[in-house]
C-alpha atoms as a PDB file:
ATOM      1  CA  UNK A   1     -28.894 -53.315 194.062  1.00  0.00           C
ATOM      2  CA  UNK A   2     -31.858 -55.467 194.982  1.00  0.00           C
ATOM      3  CA  UNK A   3     -34.520 -56.594 192.584  1.00  0.00           C
ATOM      4  CA  UNK A   4     -37.159 -54.607 194.432  1.00  0.00           C
ATOM      5  CA  UNK A   5     -35.113 -51.401 194.003  1.00  0.00           C
ATOM      6  CA  UNK A   6     -35.419 -51.857 190.256  1.00  0.00           C
ATOM      7  CA  UNK A   7     -39.190 -52.197 190.572  1.00  0.00           C
ATOM      8  CA  UNK A   8     -39.378 -49.089 192.800  1.00  0.00           C
ATOM      9  CA  UNK A   9     -37.326 -47.013 190.361  1.00  0.00           C
ATOM     10  CA  UNK A  10     -39.472 -48.048 187.382  1.00  0.00           C
ATOM     11  CA  UNK A  11     -42.681 -47.508 189.358  1.00  0.00           C
ATOM     12  CA  UNK A  12     -41.637 -43.987 190.359  1.00  0.00           C
ATOM     13  CA  UNK A  13     -40.837 -43.197 186.724  1.00  0.00           C
ATOM     14  CA  UNK A  14     -44.193 -44.569 185.569  1.00  0.00           C
ATOM     15  CA  UNK A  15     -46.025 -42.534 188.166  1.00  0.00           C
ATOM     16  CA  UNK A  16     -44.148 -39.314 187.356  1.00  0.00           C
ATOM     17  CA  UNK A  17     -44.639 -39.669 183.594  1.00  0.00           C
ATOM     18  CA  UNK A  18     -48.353 -40.401 184.062  1.00  0.00           C
ATOM     19  CA  UNK A  19     -48.703 -37.161 186.024  1.00  0.00           C
ATOM     20  CA  UNK A  20     -46.749 -35.340 183.304  1.00  0.00           C
ATOM     21  CA  UNK A  21     -49.160 -36.692 180.667  1.00  0.00           C
ATOM     22  CA  UNK A  22     -52.130 -35.588 182.822  1.00  0.00           C
ATOM     23  CA  UNK A  23     -50.733 -32.038 183.053  1.00  0.00           C
ATOM     24  CA  UNK A  24     -50.130 -31.953 179.284  1.00  0.00           C
ATOM     25  CA  UNK A  25     -53.714 -33.107 178.689  1.00  0.00           C
ATOM     26  CA  UNK A  26     -54.908 -30.358 181.038  1.00  0.00           C
ATOM     27  CA  UNK A  27     -52.882 -27.796 179.053  1.00  0.00           C
ATOM     28  CA  UNK A  28     -54.331 -28.999 175.749  1.00  0.00           C
ATOM     29  CA  UNK A  29     -57.897 -28.990 177.057  1.00  0.00           C
ATOM     30  CA  UNK A  30     -57.495 -25.394 178.295  1.00  0.00           C
ATOM     31  CA  UNK A  31     -55.744 -24.029 175.189  1.00  0.00           C
ATOM     32  CA  UNK A  32     -58.728 -21.750 174.463  1.00  0.00           C
ATOM     33  CA  UNK A  33     -59.738 -20.873 178.053  1.00  0.00           C
ATOM     34  CA  UNK A  34     -59.744 -17.082 178.427  1.00  0.00           C
ATOM     35  CA  UNK A  35     -61.333 -16.896 181.890  1.00  0.00           C
ATOM     36  CA  UNK A  36     -60.175 -18.834 184.976  1.00  0.00           C
ATOM     37  CA  UNK A  37     -61.252 -18.660 188.632  1.00  0.00           C
ATOM     38  CA  UNK A  38     -57.957 -16.863 189.383  1.00  0.00           C
ATOM     39  CA  UNK A  39     -58.771 -14.269 186.717  1.00  0.00           C
ATOM     40  CA  UNK A  40     -57.343 -13.948 183.251  1.00  0.00           C
ATOM     41  CA  UNK A  41     -56.473 -16.645 180.733  1.00  0.00           C
ATOM     42  CA  UNK A  42     -55.246 -20.134 181.598  1.00  0.00           C
ATOM     43  CA  UNK A  43     -51.476 -20.410 182.161  1.00  0.00           C
ATOM     44  CA  UNK A  44     -49.600 -23.423 180.834  1.00  0.00           C
ATOM     45  CA  UNK A  45     -48.355 -25.772 183.566  1.00  0.00           C
ATOM     46  CA  UNK A  46     -45.132 -27.780 183.565  1.00  0.00           C
ATOM     47  CA  UNK A  47     -43.922 -30.635 185.770  1.00  0.00           C
ATOM     48  CA  UNK A  48     -40.510 -30.436 187.473  1.00  0.00           C
ATOM     49  CA  UNK A  49     -38.847 -33.760 188.334  1.00  0.00           C
ATOM     50  CA  UNK A  50     -36.044 -34.401 190.805  1.00  0.00           C
ATOM     51  CA  UNK A  51     -34.248 -37.520 192.028  1.00  0.00           C
ATOM     52  CA  UNK A  52     -35.256 -38.962 195.380  1.00  0.00           C
ATOM     53  CA  UNK A  53     -31.646 -38.758 196.401  1.00  0.00           C
ATOM     54  CA  UNK A  54     -29.025 -36.412 195.053  1.00  0.00           C
ATOM     55  CA  UNK A  55     -25.716 -37.656 193.679  1.00  0.00           C
ATOM     56  CA  UNK A  56     -23.925 -36.228 196.693  1.00  0.00           C
ATOM     57  CA  UNK A  57     -26.157 -38.142 199.110  1.00  0.00           C
ATOM     58  CA  UNK A  58     -25.601 -41.353 197.177  1.00  0.00           C
ATOM     59  CA  UNK A  59     -21.837 -40.999 197.519  1.00  0.00           C
ATOM     60  CA  UNK A  60     -22.175 -40.231 201.204  1.00  0.00           C
ATOM     61  CA  UNK A  61     -24.325 -43.301 201.814  1.00  0.00           C
ATOM     62  CA  UNK A  62     -21.864 -45.882 200.487  1.00  0.00           C
ATOM     63  CA  UNK A  63     -22.838 -45.630 196.854  1.00  0.00           C
ATOM     64  CA  UNK A  64     -26.403 -46.891 197.325  1.00  0.00           C
ATOM     65  CA  UNK A  65     -28.678 -46.722 194.307  1.00  0.00           C
ATOM     66  CA  UNK A  66     -31.174 -43.901 193.897  1.00  0.00           C
ATOM     67  CA  UNK A  67     -34.790 -44.770 194.534  1.00  0.00           C
ATOM     68  CA  UNK A  68     -36.146 -43.201 191.363  1.00  0.00           C
ATOM     69  CA  UNK A  69     -37.700 -39.875 190.508  1.00  0.00           C
ATOM     70  CA  UNK A  70     -40.303 -37.702 192.179  1.00  0.00           C
ATOM     71  CA  UNK A  71     -42.372 -34.756 191.091  1.00  0.00           C
ATOM     72  CA  UNK A  72     -40.801 -31.763 192.794  1.00  0.00           C
ATOM     73  CA  UNK A  73     -43.500 -29.283 191.818  1.00  0.00           C
ATOM     74  CA  UNK A  74     -45.850 -28.142 189.099  1.00  0.00           C
ATOM     75  CA  UNK A  75     -45.006 -24.653 187.888  1.00  0.00           C
ATOM     76  CA  UNK A  76     -46.826 -22.188 185.655  1.00  0.00           C
ATOM     77  CA  UNK A  77     -45.194 -20.976 182.469  1.00  0.00           C
ATOM     78  CA  UNK A  78     -44.618 -17.229 182.831  1.00  0.00           C
ATOM     79  CA  UNK A  79     -44.367 -16.559 179.097  1.00  0.00           C
ATOM     80  CA  UNK A  80     -46.730 -13.840 177.846  1.00  0.00           C
ATOM     81  CA  UNK A  81     -50.249 -14.554 176.682  1.00  0.00           C
ATOM     82  CA  UNK A  82     -51.026 -14.498 172.962  1.00  0.00           C
ATOM     83  CA  UNK A  83     -53.144 -11.571 171.801  1.00  0.00           C
ATOM     84  CA  UNK A  84     -55.772 -12.387 169.169  1.00  0.00           C
ATOM     85  CA  UNK A  85     -57.950  -9.763 167.549  1.00  0.00           C
ATOM     86  CA  UNK A  86     -61.596 -10.660 168.172  1.00  0.00           C
ATOM     87  CA  UNK A  87     -63.659  -7.603 169.237  1.00  0.00           C
ATOM     88  CA  UNK A  88     -66.890  -9.671 169.591  1.00  0.00           C
ATOM     89  CA  UNK A  89     -65.373 -11.944 172.252  1.00  0.00           C
ATOM     90  CA  UNK A  90     -66.777 -11.276 175.766  1.00  0.00           C
ATOM     91  CA  UNK A  91     -63.232 -11.126 177.197  1.00  0.00           C
ATOM     92  CA  UNK A  92     -61.912  -8.675 174.599  1.00  0.00           C
ATOM     93  CA  UNK A  93     -59.977  -5.694 175.941  1.00  0.00           C
ATOM     94  CA  UNK A  94     -62.426  -2.767 176.061  1.00  0.00           C
ATOM     95  CA  UNK A  95     -60.081   0.233 175.923  1.00  0.00           C
ATOM     96  CA  UNK A  96     -56.531   1.316 175.195  1.00  0.00           C
ATOM     97  CA  UNK A  97     -54.234   0.547 172.297  1.00  0.00           C
ATOM     98  CA  UNK A  98     -55.069  -3.190 172.533  1.00  0.00           C
ATOM     99  CA  UNK A  99     -58.816  -2.600 172.209  1.00  0.00           C
ATOM    100  CA  UNK A 100     -60.567  -5.572 170.605  1.00  0.00           C
ATOM    101  CA  UNK A 101     -57.769  -8.026 171.383  1.00  0.00           C
ATOM    102  CA  UNK A 102     -58.323 -11.100 173.543  1.00  0.00           C
ATOM    103  CA  UNK A 103     -55.562 -12.470 175.774  1.00  0.00           C
ATOM    104  CA  UNK A 104     -55.371 -16.172 174.949  1.00  0.00           C
ATOM    105  CA  UNK A 105     -53.547 -18.839 176.993  1.00  0.00           C
ATOM    106  CA  UNK A 106     -49.815 -19.295 176.471  1.00  0.00           C
ATOM    107  CA  UNK A 107     -50.368 -22.922 175.414  1.00  0.00           C
ATOM    108  CA  UNK A 108     -48.780 -23.990 172.135  1.00  0.00           C
ATOM    109  CA  UNK A 109     -50.473 -27.178 170.922  1.00  0.00           C
ATOM    110  CA  UNK A 110     -47.405 -28.246 168.925  1.00  0.00           C
ATOM    111  CA  UNK A 111     -45.143 -27.887 171.950  1.00  0.00           C
ATOM    112  CA  UNK A 112     -47.633 -29.841 174.061  1.00  0.00           C
ATOM    113  CA  UNK A 113     -47.766 -32.643 171.489  1.00  0.00           C
ATOM    114  CA  UNK A 114     -43.962 -32.875 171.425  1.00  0.00           C
ATOM    115  CA  UNK A 115     -43.935 -33.006 175.241  1.00  0.00           C
ATOM    116  CA  UNK A 116     -46.668 -35.657 175.161  1.00  0.00           C
ATOM    117  CA  UNK A 117     -44.661 -37.812 172.762  1.00  0.00           C
ATOM    118  CA  UNK A 118     -41.608 -37.464 175.024  1.00  0.00           C
ATOM    119  CA  UNK A 119     -43.626 -38.405 178.111  1.00  0.00           C
ATOM    120  CA  UNK A 120     -45.132 -41.394 176.288  1.00  0.00           C
ATOM    121  CA  UNK A 121     -41.694 -42.616 175.212  1.00  0.00           C
ATOM    122  CA  UNK A 122     -40.347 -42.216 178.771  1.00  0.00           C
ATOM    123  CA  UNK A 123     -43.358 -44.140 180.092  1.00  0.00           C
ATOM    124  CA  UNK A 124     -42.749 -46.915 177.547  1.00  0.00           C
ATOM    125  CA  UNK A 125     -39.055 -47.040 178.530  1.00  0.00           C
ATOM    126  CA  UNK A 126     -40.031 -47.507 182.177  1.00  0.00           C
ATOM    127  CA  UNK A 127     -42.452 -50.298 181.228  1.00  0.00           C
ATOM    128  CA  UNK A 128     -39.659 -51.980 179.233  1.00  0.00           C
ATOM    129  CA  UNK A 129     -37.249 -51.720 182.190  1.00  0.00           C
ATOM    130  CA  UNK A 130     -39.908 -53.137 184.517  1.00  0.00           C
ATOM    131  CA  UNK A 131     -40.595 -56.046 182.156  1.00  0.00           C
ATOM    132  CA  UNK A 132     -36.856 -56.757 181.805  1.00  0.00           C
ATOM    133  CA  UNK A 133     -36.471 -56.860 185.602  1.00  0.00           C
ATOM    134  CA  UNK A 134     -39.477 -59.183 185.842  1.00  0.00           C
ATOM    135  CA  UNK A 135     -37.999 -61.450 183.192  1.00  0.00           C
ATOM    136  CA  UNK A 136     -34.632 -61.575 184.977  1.00  0.00           C
ATOM    137  CA  UNK A 137     -36.334 -62.435 188.267  1.00  0.00           C
ATOM    138  CA  UNK A 138     -38.283 -65.223 186.580  1.00  0.00           C
ATOM    139  CA  UNK A 139     -35.118 -66.639 184.984  1.00  0.00           C
ATOM    140  CA  UNK A 140     -33.317 -66.510 188.349  1.00  0.00           C
ATOM    141  CA  UNK A 141     -36.174 -68.481 189.917  1.00  0.00           C
ATOM    142  CA  UNK A 142     -35.955 -71.048 187.101  1.00  0.00           C
ATOM    143  CA  UNK A 143     -32.213 -71.454 187.722  1.00  0.00           C
ATOM    144  CA  UNK A 144     -32.895 -71.922 191.424  1.00  0.00           C
ATOM    145  CA  UNK A 145     -35.359 -74.736 190.728  1.00  0.00           C
ATOM    146  CA  UNK A 146     -32.705 -76.682 188.918  1.00  0.00           C
END
């Protein structure tokens, strides 16, 4: 494994976790949004990661090291919206047995905060790995100087 592979792997992890934190921030900022351009309340979004190369491909290509992680897609959480009774709200249901209820986004602030802490820790781990690789490269250069 080359030194630059280590940097690429850490960089891909940093990039993916930054996007994950951006999506979480978007979820938190839209936790009370009841009307979107698509119609209806905001739906929570989640990031799906995948390796650049699968394990099978690595074995087939002479056990070369994976080149990190990539964002496969951003998906919407299909869990149901929360119904909150607020008949004065402009988006309240006007008729039926749910009259007066407002469909609120399916964003749970506590879940988002836990995800944010996990993303932050993963980001910090990638920074630590990058700094360790940098330190090893520096020490190798010092050895080479004699």
